[in-house]
């Protein structure tokens, strides 16, 4: 039984990896077209930043992207990372999100459905939630106010329900030990 679970999980990881690469390829095509239309040069360094975001399953900040690329021996400056992130945001290929860390994180947006982030104020755990009900509510609110809903990325700050007797999150305690 455990072997089947591992095989299923391994197969799921391979499928997820393939999906991430396909999304990266599609986003790259949109990026190249947008860059050309706006008169920007589409360098290999800029494409590397885009791929790093699209092949990741996490929310990254600019410094994390820079460090990851340096570890892969990519010759890139922090300035190029920051400038590329601004361009990716301009072309709607990434969202800027606040996870309560006093700096901006980025996540892929092309081909990604609207969702919200629930962030534990104690342990910083982030859970992404997709909700048709929330989408319908936001569509209604936009319509009532003369708008058409585009995309959204919503952050909700909460506390894990597993808080111990001393009001600290059990997830945080596990991470410390």
N, C-alpha and C. Protein backbone atom coordinates (compact mmCIF):
# COMPACT_ATOMS: atom_id res chain seq x y z
N UNK A 1 0.82 -1.19 0.00
CA UNK A 1 0.00 0.00 0.00
C UNK A 1 0.86 1.26 0.00
N UNK A 2 1.91 1.27 0.83
CA UNK A 2 2.79 2.44 0.88
C UNK A 2 3.51 2.63 -0.45
N UNK A 3 3.92 1.54 -1.07
CA UNK A 3 4.62 1.64 -2.35
C UNK A 3 3.71 2.27 -3.41
N UNK A 4 2.44 1.90 -3.40
CA UNK A 4 1.50 2.48 -4.36
C UNK A 4 1.34 3.98 -4.10
N UNK A 5 1.30 4.34 -2.83
CA UNK A 5 1.17 5.76 -2.49
C UNK A 5 2.40 6.52 -2.98
N UNK A 6 3.57 5.96 -2.77
CA UNK A 6 4.79 6.64 -3.24
C UNK A 6 4.80 6.74 -4.75
N UNK A 7 4.39 5.65 -5.43
CA UNK A 7 4.36 5.68 -6.89
C UNK A 7 3.38 6.74 -7.37
N UNK A 8 2.20 6.77 -6.73
CA UNK A 8 1.22 7.77 -7.12
C UNK A 8 1.75 9.17 -6.88
N UNK A 9 2.40 9.36 -5.75
CA UNK A 9 2.92 10.67 -5.42
C UNK A 9 4.07 11.04 -6.36
N UNK A 10 4.89 10.08 -6.73
CA UNK A 10 5.97 10.34 -7.68
C UNK A 10 5.40 10.70 -9.05
N UNK A 11 4.36 9.99 -9.44
CA UNK A 11 3.70 10.27 -10.71
C UNK A 11 3.06 11.66 -10.69
N UNK A 12 2.46 12.01 -9.56
CA UNK A 12 1.86 13.33 -9.42
C UNK A 12 2.92 14.42 -9.51
N UNK A 13 4.08 14.20 -8.88
CA UNK A 13 5.17 15.19 -8.96
C UNK A 13 5.65 15.36 -10.39
N UNK A 14 5.77 14.25 -11.13
CA UNK A 14 6.21 14.34 -12.53
C UNK A 14 5.18 15.09 -13.37
N UNK A 15 3.90 14.80 -13.14
CA UNK A 15 2.85 15.48 -13.87
C UNK A 15 2.87 16.97 -13.55
N UNK A 16 3.02 17.31 -12.26
CA UNK A 16 3.07 18.71 -11.83
C UNK A 16 4.27 19.42 -12.44
N UNK A 17 5.40 18.74 -12.48
CA UNK A 17 6.61 19.31 -13.07
C UNK A 17 6.40 19.61 -14.55
N UNK A 18 5.75 18.69 -15.24
CA UNK A 18 5.47 18.87 -16.67
C UNK A 18 4.52 20.06 -16.87
N UNK A 19 3.49 20.18 -16.01
CA UNK A 19 2.56 21.29 -16.10
C UNK A 19 3.26 22.62 -15.87
N UNK A 20 4.17 22.65 -14.89
CA UNK A 20 4.91 23.88 -14.61
C UNK A 20 5.77 24.29 -15.80
N UNK A 21 6.42 23.32 -16.43
CA UNK A 21 7.26 23.62 -17.60
C UNK A 21 6.43 24.13 -18.77
N UNK A 22 5.24 23.54 -18.96
CA UNK A 22 4.36 24.00 -20.04
C UNK A 22 3.88 25.43 -19.79
N UNK A 23 3.51 25.73 -18.54
CA UNK A 23 3.09 27.09 -18.19
C UNK A 23 4.24 28.07 -18.40
N UNK A 24 5.45 27.65 -18.04
CA UNK A 24 6.62 28.49 -18.23
C UNK A 24 6.85 28.78 -19.71
N UNK A 25 6.68 27.77 -20.54
CA UNK A 25 6.86 27.94 -21.99
C UNK A 25 5.83 28.92 -22.55
N UNK A 26 4.57 28.78 -22.13
CA UNK A 26 3.52 29.68 -22.60
C UNK A 26 3.76 31.11 -22.11
N UNK A 27 4.12 31.25 -20.85
CA UNK A 27 4.40 32.58 -20.30
C UNK A 27 5.60 33.21 -21.01
N UNK A 28 6.60 32.39 -21.32
CA UNK A 28 7.78 32.88 -22.04
C UNK A 28 7.39 33.44 -23.40
N UNK A 29 6.50 32.77 -24.09
CA UNK A 29 6.04 33.24 -25.40
C UNK A 29 5.33 34.59 -25.27
N UNK A 30 4.46 34.72 -24.27
CA UNK A 30 3.76 35.99 -24.04
C UNK A 30 4.77 37.08 -23.69
N UNK A 31 5.75 36.75 -22.85
CA UNK A 31 6.77 37.71 -22.44
C UNK A 31 7.56 38.20 -23.65
N UNK A 32 8.01 37.27 -24.49
CA UNK A 32 8.79 37.66 -25.67
C UNK A 32 7.99 38.59 -26.58
N UNK A 33 6.72 38.24 -26.80
CA UNK A 33 5.86 39.07 -27.66
C UNK A 33 5.66 40.45 -27.05
N UNK A 34 5.36 40.50 -25.76
CA UNK A 34 5.13 41.78 -25.09
C UNK A 34 6.39 42.64 -25.10
N UNK A 35 7.53 42.02 -24.85
CA UNK A 35 8.79 42.77 -24.85
C UNK A 35 9.05 43.38 -26.22
N UNK A 36 8.82 42.59 -27.26
CA UNK A 36 9.05 43.08 -28.63
C UNK A 36 8.10 44.23 -28.96
N UNK A 37 6.82 44.07 -28.60
CA UNK A 37 5.83 45.11 -28.87
C UNK A 37 6.15 46.41 -28.16
N UNK A 38 6.74 46.32 -26.96
CA UNK A 38 7.06 47.51 -26.17
C UNK A 38 8.46 48.04 -26.45
N UNK A 39 9.22 47.35 -27.29
CA UNK A 39 10.54 47.82 -27.66
C UNK A 39 11.65 47.48 -26.68
N UNK A 40 11.42 46.48 -25.82
CA UNK A 40 12.44 46.03 -24.88
C UNK A 40 13.22 44.87 -25.47
N UNK A 41 14.46 44.73 -25.01
CA UNK A 41 15.26 43.56 -25.39
C UNK A 41 14.88 42.40 -24.48
N UNK A 42 14.70 41.24 -25.05
CA UNK A 42 14.36 40.05 -24.27
C UNK A 42 15.63 39.22 -24.13
N UNK A 43 16.36 39.46 -23.05
CA UNK A 43 17.65 38.82 -22.83
C UNK A 43 17.48 37.45 -22.18
N UNK A 44 18.53 36.65 -22.24
CA UNK A 44 18.48 35.32 -21.61
C UNK A 44 18.35 35.45 -20.10
N UNK A 45 18.92 36.52 -19.52
CA UNK A 45 18.81 36.73 -18.07
C UNK A 45 17.35 36.99 -17.67
N UNK A 46 16.66 37.80 -18.46
CA UNK A 46 15.25 38.08 -18.17
C UNK A 46 14.41 36.81 -18.30
N UNK A 47 14.69 36.03 -19.31
CA UNK A 47 13.96 34.77 -19.48
C UNK A 47 14.26 33.80 -18.34
N UNK A 48 15.47 33.83 -17.83
CA UNK A 48 15.84 32.96 -16.71
C UNK A 48 15.05 33.33 -15.45
N UNK A 49 14.84 34.62 -15.22
CA UNK A 49 14.03 35.05 -14.08
C UNK A 49 12.60 34.54 -14.22
N UNK A 50 12.04 34.71 -15.40
CA UNK A 50 10.67 34.22 -15.65
C UNK A 50 10.58 32.72 -15.40
N UNK A 51 11.53 31.95 -15.93
CA UNK A 51 11.50 30.49 -15.76
C UNK A 51 11.62 30.10 -14.30
N UNK A 52 12.45 30.82 -13.55
CA UNK A 52 12.63 30.50 -12.13
C UNK A 52 11.30 30.63 -11.37
N UNK A 53 10.54 31.65 -11.70
CA UNK A 53 9.24 31.85 -11.05
C UNK A 53 8.25 30.78 -11.50
N UNK A 54 8.18 30.54 -12.80
CA UNK A 54 7.17 29.61 -13.32
C UNK A 54 7.47 28.15 -13.04
N UNK A 55 8.71 27.83 -12.77
CA UNK A 55 9.04 26.43 -12.45
C UNK A 55 9.07 26.19 -10.95
N UNK A 56 8.69 27.20 -10.19
CA UNK A 56 8.65 27.09 -8.73
C UNK A 56 7.21 26.95 -8.26
N UNK A 57 7.03 26.26 -7.17
CA UNK A 57 5.71 26.13 -6.56
C UNK A 57 5.58 27.02 -5.33
N UNK A 58 6.51 27.96 -5.16
CA UNK A 58 6.45 28.79 -3.96
C UNK A 58 6.38 30.27 -4.34
N UNK A 59 6.16 31.09 -3.33
CA UNK A 59 6.11 32.53 -3.49
C UNK A 59 7.51 33.05 -3.20
N UNK A 60 8.12 33.70 -4.17
CA UNK A 60 9.52 34.10 -4.05
C UNK A 60 9.64 35.61 -3.97
N UNK A 61 10.63 36.08 -3.21
CA UNK A 61 10.94 37.50 -3.25
C UNK A 61 12.14 37.69 -4.18
N UNK A 62 12.46 38.93 -4.49
CA UNK A 62 13.52 39.21 -5.47
C UNK A 62 14.86 38.63 -5.03
N UNK A 63 15.18 38.75 -3.75
CA UNK A 63 16.47 38.23 -3.28
C UNK A 63 16.52 36.70 -3.36
N UNK A 64 15.40 36.04 -3.07
CA UNK A 64 15.37 34.58 -3.20
C UNK A 64 15.62 34.16 -4.65
N UNK A 65 15.03 34.88 -5.58
CA UNK A 65 15.24 34.59 -6.99
C UNK A 65 16.71 34.79 -7.34
N UNK A 66 17.27 35.93 -6.91
CA UNK A 66 18.67 36.23 -7.18
C UNK A 66 19.58 35.12 -6.64
N UNK A 67 19.37 34.71 -5.39
CA UNK A 67 20.21 33.69 -4.77
C UNK A 67 20.05 32.35 -5.49
N UNK A 68 18.83 31.98 -5.83
CA UNK A 68 18.61 30.71 -6.54
C UNK A 68 19.35 30.70 -7.88
N UNK A 69 19.30 31.82 -8.59
CA UNK A 69 19.97 31.89 -9.89
C UNK A 69 21.48 31.86 -9.73
N UNK A 70 21.99 32.54 -8.71
CA UNK A 70 23.44 32.51 -8.45
C UNK A 70 23.91 31.10 -8.14
N UNK A 71 23.10 30.35 -7.36
CA UNK A 71 23.44 28.96 -7.04
C UNK A 71 23.47 28.08 -8.29
N UNK A 72 22.75 28.50 -9.31
CA UNK A 72 22.74 27.77 -10.58
C UNK A 72 23.80 28.33 -11.54
N UNK A 73 24.68 29.17 -11.02
CA UNK A 73 25.76 29.79 -11.79
C UNK A 73 25.27 30.68 -12.93
N UNK A 74 24.13 31.32 -12.72
CA UNK A 74 23.63 32.28 -13.70
C UNK A 74 24.28 33.63 -13.41
N UNK A 75 24.85 34.23 -14.44
CA UNK A 75 25.47 35.54 -14.29
C UNK A 75 24.37 36.60 -14.43
N UNK A 76 23.95 37.15 -13.28
CA UNK A 76 22.85 38.12 -13.27
C UNK A 76 23.04 39.06 -12.09
N UNK A 77 22.60 40.29 -12.24
CA UNK A 77 22.69 41.26 -11.15
C UNK A 77 21.34 41.37 -10.44
N UNK A 78 21.39 41.86 -9.21
CA UNK A 78 20.14 42.10 -8.47
C UNK A 78 19.27 43.10 -9.24
N UNK A 79 19.90 44.10 -9.81
CA UNK A 79 19.15 45.13 -10.56
C UNK A 79 18.38 44.51 -11.71
N UNK A 80 19.00 43.56 -12.41
CA UNK A 80 18.31 42.88 -13.52
C UNK A 80 17.12 42.08 -13.00
N UNK A 81 17.29 41.42 -11.86
CA UNK A 81 16.17 40.67 -11.27
C UNK A 81 15.02 41.62 -10.95
N UNK A 82 15.31 42.71 -10.26
CA UNK A 82 14.26 43.66 -9.89
C UNK A 82 13.59 44.28 -11.12
N UNK A 83 14.38 44.68 -12.11
CA UNK A 83 13.82 45.29 -13.31
C UNK A 83 12.96 44.28 -14.07
N UNK A 84 13.42 43.04 -14.14
CA UNK A 84 12.66 42.00 -14.84
C UNK A 84 11.35 41.73 -14.12
N UNK A 85 11.36 41.71 -12.79
CA UNK A 85 10.12 41.51 -12.03
C UNK A 85 9.12 42.63 -12.33
N UNK A 86 9.61 43.85 -12.45
CA UNK A 86 8.73 44.97 -12.80
C UNK A 86 8.11 44.76 -14.18
N UNK A 87 8.91 44.29 -15.13
CA UNK A 87 8.39 44.02 -16.48
C UNK A 87 7.38 42.87 -16.47
N UNK A 88 7.67 41.82 -15.73
CA UNK A 88 6.75 40.69 -15.64
C UNK A 88 5.42 41.12 -15.03
N UNK A 89 5.48 42.01 -14.05
CA UNK A 89 4.26 42.54 -13.45
C UNK A 89 3.51 43.41 -14.46
N UNK A 90 4.24 44.24 -15.17
CA UNK A 90 3.63 45.13 -16.18
C UNK A 90 2.87 44.32 -17.23
N UNK A 91 3.42 43.17 -17.61
CA UNK A 91 2.80 42.34 -18.65
C UNK A 91 1.86 41.28 -18.08
N UNK A 92 1.51 41.42 -16.79
CA UNK A 92 0.55 40.53 -16.12
C UNK A 92 1.00 39.07 -16.08
N UNK A 93 2.30 38.86 -15.96
CA UNK A 93 2.83 37.50 -15.89
C UNK A 93 3.16 37.09 -14.46
N UNK A 94 3.23 38.07 -13.55
CA UNK A 94 3.38 37.78 -12.11
C UNK A 94 2.46 38.70 -11.33
N UNK A 95 2.10 38.24 -10.14
CA UNK A 95 1.40 39.08 -9.17
C UNK A 95 2.37 39.42 -8.06
N UNK A 96 2.21 40.62 -7.52
CA UNK A 96 2.95 41.02 -6.34
C UNK A 96 2.04 40.72 -5.15
N UNK A 97 2.58 40.06 -4.14
CA UNK A 97 1.76 39.73 -2.97
C UNK A 97 2.50 40.07 -1.69
N UNK A 98 1.72 40.41 -0.68
CA UNK A 98 2.24 40.72 0.64
C UNK A 98 1.90 39.55 1.56
N UNK A 99 2.92 38.86 2.02
CA UNK A 99 2.72 37.73 2.93
C UNK A 99 3.04 38.12 4.37
N UNK A 100 3.08 39.42 4.62
CA UNK A 100 3.32 39.90 5.98
C UNK A 100 4.77 39.93 6.38
N UNK A 101 5.68 39.88 5.42
CA UNK A 101 7.11 39.87 5.72
C UNK A 101 7.78 41.21 5.45
N UNK A 102 7.02 42.23 5.22
CA UNK A 102 7.52 43.59 4.99
C UNK A 102 8.32 43.72 3.69
N UNK A 103 8.15 42.79 2.79
CA UNK A 103 8.70 42.92 1.45
C UNK A 103 7.81 42.15 0.48
N UNK A 104 7.93 42.45 -0.78
CA UNK A 104 7.06 41.89 -1.80
C UNK A 104 7.51 40.50 -2.22
N UNK A 105 6.55 39.61 -2.35
CA UNK A 105 6.77 38.29 -2.93
C UNK A 105 6.09 38.28 -4.29
N UNK A 106 6.54 37.38 -5.13
CA UNK A 106 5.99 37.28 -6.48
C UNK A 106 5.51 35.86 -6.72
N UNK A 107 4.44 35.77 -7.50
CA UNK A 107 3.95 34.46 -7.91
C UNK A 107 3.50 34.54 -9.35
N UNK A 108 3.58 33.43 -10.03
CA UNK A 108 3.15 33.40 -11.42
C UNK A 108 1.66 33.71 -11.49
N UNK A 109 1.24 34.35 -12.58
CA UNK A 109 -0.17 34.67 -12.73
C UNK A 109 -0.74 34.19 -14.06
N UNK A 110 0.10 34.03 -15.06
CA UNK A 110 -0.41 33.59 -16.37
C UNK A 110 -0.87 32.13 -16.27
N UNK A 111 -2.13 31.90 -16.63
CA UNK A 111 -2.66 30.54 -16.60
C UNK A 111 -3.03 30.05 -15.21
N UNK A 112 -2.98 30.95 -14.23
CA UNK A 112 -3.29 30.59 -12.85
C UNK A 112 -4.64 31.21 -12.49
N UNK A 113 -5.51 30.40 -11.91
CA UNK A 113 -6.83 30.89 -11.52
C UNK A 113 -6.76 31.84 -10.34
N UNK A 114 -7.79 32.67 -10.22
CA UNK A 114 -7.88 33.56 -9.07
C UNK A 114 -7.91 32.75 -7.79
N UNK A 115 -7.26 33.27 -6.77
CA UNK A 115 -7.19 32.55 -5.51
C UNK A 115 -6.86 33.50 -4.37
N UNK A 116 -6.98 32.97 -3.17
CA UNK A 116 -6.58 33.76 -2.02
C UNK A 116 -5.51 33.01 -1.24
N UNK A 117 -4.78 33.75 -0.45
CA UNK A 117 -3.74 33.17 0.41
C UNK A 117 -4.21 33.34 1.85
N UNK A 118 -4.19 32.25 2.60
CA UNK A 118 -4.43 32.33 4.04
C UNK A 118 -3.07 32.15 4.69
N UNK A 119 -2.67 33.15 5.48
CA UNK A 119 -1.33 33.18 6.06
C UNK A 119 -1.45 33.15 7.58
N UNK A 120 -0.80 32.19 8.23
CA UNK A 120 -0.81 32.12 9.68
C UNK A 120 0.11 33.21 10.23
N UNK A 121 -0.43 34.01 11.13
CA UNK A 121 0.35 35.09 11.73
C UNK A 121 1.40 34.58 12.70
N UNK A 122 1.29 33.33 13.13
CA UNK A 122 2.23 32.75 14.07
C UNK A 122 3.39 32.03 13.36
N UNK A 123 3.04 31.13 12.44
CA UNK A 123 4.08 30.27 11.84
C UNK A 123 4.42 30.64 10.40
N UNK A 124 3.70 31.60 9.81
CA UNK A 124 3.91 32.06 8.42
C UNK A 124 3.54 31.03 7.36
N UNK A 125 2.82 29.97 7.76
CA UNK A 125 2.37 28.99 6.78
C UNK A 125 1.42 29.68 5.82
N UNK A 126 1.55 29.39 4.52
CA UNK A 126 0.70 29.98 3.49
C UNK A 126 -0.06 28.87 2.79
N UNK A 127 -1.38 29.03 2.72
CA UNK A 127 -2.22 28.06 2.02
C UNK A 127 -2.96 28.81 0.92
N UNK A 128 -2.89 28.30 -0.30
CA UNK A 128 -3.63 28.89 -1.41
C UNK A 128 -4.99 28.22 -1.50
N UNK A 129 -6.04 29.04 -1.65
CA UNK A 129 -7.40 28.53 -1.72
C UNK A 129 -8.07 29.07 -2.97
N UNK A 130 -8.62 28.18 -3.77
CA UNK A 130 -9.41 28.56 -4.94
C UNK A 130 -10.88 28.42 -4.56
N UNK A 131 -11.68 29.44 -4.82
CA UNK A 131 -13.08 29.41 -4.40
C UNK A 131 -13.98 30.03 -5.47
N UNK A 132 -14.82 29.18 -6.06
CA UNK A 132 -15.80 29.70 -7.03
C UNK A 132 -16.78 30.64 -6.34
N UNK A 133 -17.12 30.33 -5.09
CA UNK A 133 -18.05 31.17 -4.33
C UNK A 133 -17.48 32.58 -4.16
N UNK A 134 -16.21 32.67 -3.76
CA UNK A 134 -15.57 33.97 -3.60
C UNK A 134 -15.50 34.70 -4.95
N UNK A 135 -15.16 33.97 -5.99
CA UNK A 135 -15.09 34.56 -7.32
C UNK A 135 -16.44 35.17 -7.71
N UNK A 136 -17.52 34.44 -7.44
CA UNK A 136 -18.87 34.94 -7.75
C UNK A 136 -19.19 36.20 -6.95
N UNK A 137 -18.83 36.22 -5.67
CA UNK A 137 -19.07 37.39 -4.83
C UNK A 137 -18.31 38.60 -5.38
N UNK A 138 -17.05 38.40 -5.74
CA UNK A 138 -16.25 39.51 -6.26
C UNK A 138 -16.76 39.98 -7.62
N UNK A 139 -17.21 39.04 -8.48
CA UNK A 139 -17.81 39.44 -9.76
C UNK A 139 -19.03 40.31 -9.52
N UNK A 140 -19.87 39.92 -8.56
CA UNK A 140 -21.07 40.67 -8.23
C UNK A 140 -20.71 42.06 -7.71
N UNK A 141 -19.76 42.14 -6.78
CA UNK A 141 -19.34 43.44 -6.23
C UNK A 141 -18.78 44.35 -7.31
N UNK A 142 -17.97 43.78 -8.20
CA UNK A 142 -17.42 44.58 -9.30
C UNK A 142 -18.55 45.10 -10.19
N UNK A 143 -19.44 44.22 -10.55
CA UNK A 143 -20.56 44.58 -11.42
C UNK A 143 -21.41 45.70 -10.80
N UNK A 144 -21.71 45.57 -9.52
CA UNK A 144 -22.50 46.59 -8.81
C UNK A 144 -21.84 47.96 -8.84
N UNK A 145 -20.53 47.97 -8.95
CA UNK A 145 -19.79 49.23 -8.92
C UNK A 145 -19.24 49.64 -10.28
N UNK A 146 -19.76 49.00 -11.34
CA UNK A 146 -19.39 49.41 -12.70
C UNK A 146 -18.08 48.85 -13.20
N UNK A 147 -17.65 47.70 -12.67
CA UNK A 147 -16.41 47.07 -13.09
C UNK A 147 -16.66 45.66 -13.60
N UNK A 148 -15.71 45.16 -14.36
CA UNK A 148 -15.68 43.75 -14.74
C UNK A 148 -14.48 43.14 -14.04
N UNK A 149 -14.72 42.05 -13.32
CA UNK A 149 -13.64 41.41 -12.57
C UNK A 149 -12.55 40.91 -13.50
N UNK A 150 -11.33 41.28 -13.20
CA UNK A 150 -10.18 40.75 -13.91
C UNK A 150 -9.59 39.64 -13.07
N UNK A 151 -8.40 39.87 -12.59
CA UNK A 151 -7.78 38.87 -11.71
C UNK A 151 -7.75 39.41 -10.30
N UNK A 152 -7.56 38.52 -9.36
CA UNK A 152 -7.36 38.94 -7.99
C UNK A 152 -6.45 37.97 -7.29
N UNK A 153 -5.74 38.49 -6.33
CA UNK A 153 -4.92 37.69 -5.43
C UNK A 153 -5.12 38.32 -4.06
N UNK A 154 -5.78 37.61 -3.20
CA UNK A 154 -6.21 38.14 -1.92
C UNK A 154 -5.43 37.48 -0.79
N UNK A 155 -5.04 38.26 0.21
CA UNK A 155 -4.32 37.73 1.37
C UNK A 155 -5.21 37.85 2.60
N UNK A 156 -5.34 36.76 3.34
CA UNK A 156 -6.09 36.74 4.59
C UNK A 156 -5.11 36.32 5.68
N UNK A 157 -4.98 37.14 6.72
CA UNK A 157 -4.10 36.81 7.83
C UNK A 157 -4.94 36.21 8.95
N UNK A 158 -4.53 35.04 9.40
CA UNK A 158 -5.30 34.29 10.40
C UNK A 158 -4.33 33.56 11.31
N UNK A 159 -4.85 32.70 12.14
CA UNK A 159 -4.02 31.87 13.00
C UNK A 159 -4.42 30.42 12.81
N UNK A 160 -3.44 29.55 12.78
CA UNK A 160 -3.72 28.12 12.67
C UNK A 160 -4.66 27.70 13.81
N UNK A 161 -5.54 26.78 13.53
CA UNK A 161 -6.46 26.30 14.55
C UNK A 161 -5.77 25.40 15.55
N UNK A 162 -4.54 24.99 15.27
CA UNK A 162 -3.80 24.07 16.13
C UNK A 162 -3.05 24.79 17.25
N UNK A 163 -3.42 26.03 17.57
CA UNK A 163 -2.69 26.77 18.59
C UNK A 163 -2.72 26.03 19.91
N UNK A 164 -1.58 26.00 20.56
CA UNK A 164 -1.47 25.34 21.86
C UNK A 164 -2.02 26.19 22.98
N UNK A 165 -1.81 25.72 24.19
CA UNK A 165 -2.33 26.40 25.38
C UNK A 165 -1.75 27.80 25.54
N UNK A 166 -0.54 28.01 25.09
CA UNK A 166 0.11 29.32 25.25
C UNK A 166 -0.11 30.24 24.05
N UNK A 167 -1.13 29.93 23.23
CA UNK A 167 -1.50 30.73 22.06
C UNK A 167 -0.40 30.82 21.01
N UNK A 168 0.43 29.80 20.92
CA UNK A 168 1.42 29.75 19.85
C UNK A 168 1.04 28.60 18.93
N UNK A 169 1.33 28.78 17.68
CA UNK A 169 0.98 27.80 16.67
C UNK A 169 1.85 26.55 16.80
N UNK A 170 1.21 25.38 16.79
CA UNK A 170 1.96 24.13 16.86
C UNK A 170 2.89 23.97 15.66
N UNK A 171 2.52 24.50 14.51
CA UNK A 171 3.37 24.42 13.32
C UNK A 171 4.67 25.19 13.56
N UNK A 172 4.59 26.34 14.24
CA UNK A 172 5.77 27.13 14.53
C UNK A 172 6.68 26.38 15.51
N UNK A 173 6.07 25.76 16.52
CA UNK A 173 6.85 24.99 17.49
C UNK A 173 7.59 23.84 16.82
N UNK A 174 6.93 23.18 15.87
CA UNK A 174 7.57 22.07 15.15
C UNK A 174 8.72 22.58 14.30
N UNK A 175 8.56 23.76 13.71
CA UNK A 175 9.61 24.32 12.85
C UNK A 175 10.84 24.71 13.67
N UNK A 176 10.63 25.14 14.90
CA UNK A 176 11.75 25.57 15.76
C UNK A 176 12.56 24.39 16.23
N UNK A 177 11.90 23.29 16.53
CA UNK A 177 12.58 22.12 17.09
C UNK A 177 13.13 21.21 16.06
